[in-house]
C-alpha atoms as a PDB file:
ATOM      1  CA  MET A   1      49.361-115.301  44.647  1.00  0.00           C
ATOM      2  CA  SER A   2      46.019-114.265  46.335  1.00  0.00           C
ATOM      3  CA  LEU A   3      44.168-116.357  43.751  1.00  0.00           C
ATOM      4  CA  LEU A   4      46.026-119.601  44.871  1.00  0.00           C
ATOM      5  CA  ALA A   5      45.507-118.595  48.520  1.00  0.00           C
ATOM      6  CA  GLY A   6      41.787-118.068  47.782  1.00  0.00           C
ATOM      7  CA  PHE A   7      41.524-121.336  46.140  1.00  0.00           C
ATOM      8  CA  ALA A   8      43.303-123.108  48.983  1.00  0.00           C
ATOM      9  CA  ARG A   9      41.062-121.490  51.522  1.00  0.00           C
ATOM     10  CA  ALA A  10      37.763-122.453  49.448  1.00  0.00           C
ATOM     11  CA  ALA A  11      39.129-126.042  49.247  1.00  0.00           C
ATOM     12  CA  TYR A  12      39.682-126.170  53.016  1.00  0.00           C
ATOM     13  CA  TYR A  13      36.232-124.679  53.939  1.00  0.00           C
ATOM     14  CA  PHE A  14      34.730-127.071  51.287  1.00  0.00           C
ATOM     15  CA  PHE A  15      35.774-130.104  53.251  1.00  0.00           C
ATOM     16  CA  VAL A  16      35.643-128.526  56.884  1.00  0.00           C
ATOM     17  CA  GLU A  17      32.333-126.826  56.697  1.00  0.00           C
ATOM     18  CA  ASP A  18      30.409-129.538  54.894  1.00  0.00           C
ATOM     19  CA  GLY A  19      31.310-132.710  56.897  1.00  0.00           C
ATOM     20  CA  SER A  20      28.907-134.804  54.940  1.00  0.00           C
ATOM     21  CA  ILE A  21      31.250-135.165  51.948  1.00  0.00           C
ATOM     22  CA  VAL A  22      34.047-136.057  54.247  1.00  0.00           C
ATOM     23  CA  ILE A  23      31.917-138.818  55.791  1.00  0.00           C
ATOM     24  CA  GLY A  24      30.714-139.902  52.520  1.00  0.00           C
ATOM     25  CA  ALA A  25      34.195-140.068  51.190  1.00  0.00           C
ATOM     26  CA  VAL A  26      35.256-142.212  54.287  1.00  0.00           C
ATOM     27  CA  MET A  27      32.164-144.669  53.829  1.00  0.00           C
ATOM     28  CA  ALA A  28      33.112-144.942  50.000  1.00  0.00           C
ATOM     29  CA  LEU A  29      36.590-145.823  50.968  1.00  0.00           C
ATOM     30  CA  VAL A  30      35.335-148.400  53.474  1.00  0.00           C
ATOM     31  CA  LEU A  31      33.023-149.958  50.892  1.00  0.00           C
ATOM     32  CA  VAL A  32      35.736-150.205  48.317  1.00  0.00           C
ATOM     33  CA  GLY A  33      38.064-151.497  51.017  1.00  0.00           C
ATOM     34  CA  ILE A  34      35.455-154.189  51.891  1.00  0.00           C
ATOM     35  CA  LEU A  35      34.974-155.107  48.319  1.00  0.00           C
ATOM     36  CA  ALA A  36      38.637-155.394  47.608  1.00  0.00           C
ATOM     37  CA  ILE A  37      39.209-157.719  50.607  1.00  0.00           C
ATOM     38  CA  TRP A  38      36.098-159.854  50.307  1.00  0.00           C
ATOM     39  CA  ARG A  39      36.192-160.228  46.588  1.00  0.00           C
ATOM     40  CA  PRO A  40      32.632-161.447  46.175  1.00  0.00           C
ATOM     41  CA  PHE A  41      33.194-162.027  42.433  1.00  0.00           C
ATOM     42  CA  GLY A  42      36.316-162.590  40.305  1.00  0.00           C
ATOM     43  CA  THR A  43      36.772-159.065  38.896  1.00  0.00           C
ATOM     44  CA  ALA A  44      36.100-157.253  42.143  1.00  0.00           C
ATOM     45  CA  GLU A  45      39.871-155.859  42.210  1.00  0.00           C
ATOM     46  CA  GLN A  46      39.377-154.398  38.697  1.00  0.00           C
ATOM     47  CA  VAL A  47      36.064-152.792  39.667  1.00  0.00           C
ATOM     48  CA  ALA A  48      37.070-151.320  42.926  1.00  0.00           C
ATOM     49  CA  GLY A  49      39.021-148.371  41.432  1.00  0.00           C
ATOM     50  CA  PRO A  50      36.158-147.185  39.079  1.00  0.00           C
ATOM     51  CA  PHE A  51      33.467-147.828  41.832  1.00  0.00           C
ATOM     52  CA  LEU A  52      35.536-145.665  44.227  1.00  0.00           C
ATOM     53  CA  PHE A  53      35.553-142.856  41.419  1.00  0.00           C
ATOM     54  CA  VAL A  54      31.880-143.106  40.836  1.00  0.00           C
ATOM     55  CA  LEU A  55      30.979-143.030  44.477  1.00  0.00           C
ATOM     56  CA  ILE A  56      33.167-139.866  45.140  1.00  0.00           C
ATOM     57  CA  ALA A  57      31.965-138.122  41.945  1.00  0.00           C
ATOM     58  CA  GLY A  58      28.415-138.740  43.177  1.00  0.00           C
ATOM     59  CA  LEU A  59      29.206-137.204  46.488  1.00  0.00           C
ATOM     60  CA  VAL A  60      30.566-134.126  44.652  1.00  0.00           C
ATOM     61  CA  ILE A  61      27.665-133.709  42.442  1.00  0.00           C
ATOM     62  CA  ALA A  62      25.134-134.027  45.318  1.00  0.00           C
ATOM     63  CA  ASN A  63      27.142-131.384  47.198  1.00  0.00           C
ATOM     64  CA  LEU A  64      27.108-129.029  44.193  1.00  0.00           C
ATOM     65  CA  LEU A  65      23.317-129.476  43.689  1.00  0.00           C
ATOM     66  CA  GLN A  66      22.916-128.747  47.407  1.00  0.00           C
ATOM     67  CA  VAL A  67      24.902-125.447  47.337  1.00  0.00           C
ATOM     68  CA  ALA A  68      23.030-124.487  44.106  1.00  0.00           C
ATOM     69  CA  ARG A  69      19.649-125.071  45.995  1.00  0.00           C
ATOM     70  CA  GLN A  70      20.787-122.941  48.987  1.00  0.00           C
ATOM     71  CA  ALA A  71      22.196-120.299  46.724  1.00  0.00           C
ATOM     72  CA  ARG A  72      18.779-119.996  44.832  1.00  0.00           C
ATOM     73  CA  ALA A  73      16.794-120.085  47.959  1.00  0.00           C
ATOM     74  CA  GLY A  74      19.003-117.259  49.411  1.00  0.00           C
ATOM     75  CA  ARG A  75      18.188-114.912  46.464  1.00  0.00           C
END
C-alpha cells in the first residue's frame, strides 16, 4: 500500500512542482483544439490525436532530460 501512496505522491509532485509541464500540456491542448476547429487541411481531425500525443510525449521527454541534468549536476 505504501508503494501506491508513494507513486501517487510522486505523480502529484511531478505536476505541482514543475509547472512547466502543466503549462506545456495546456498549450498543446489549445494548439490541437485550434487545429481541430480551424481545419486548415482536410485530414486535420485525423492528425489532431497523434499530434497531441507527440506534443505531450515531447514535454515528458524534455522534463526527464532536465531532471537527469539536475541530478548529474547535484552529484
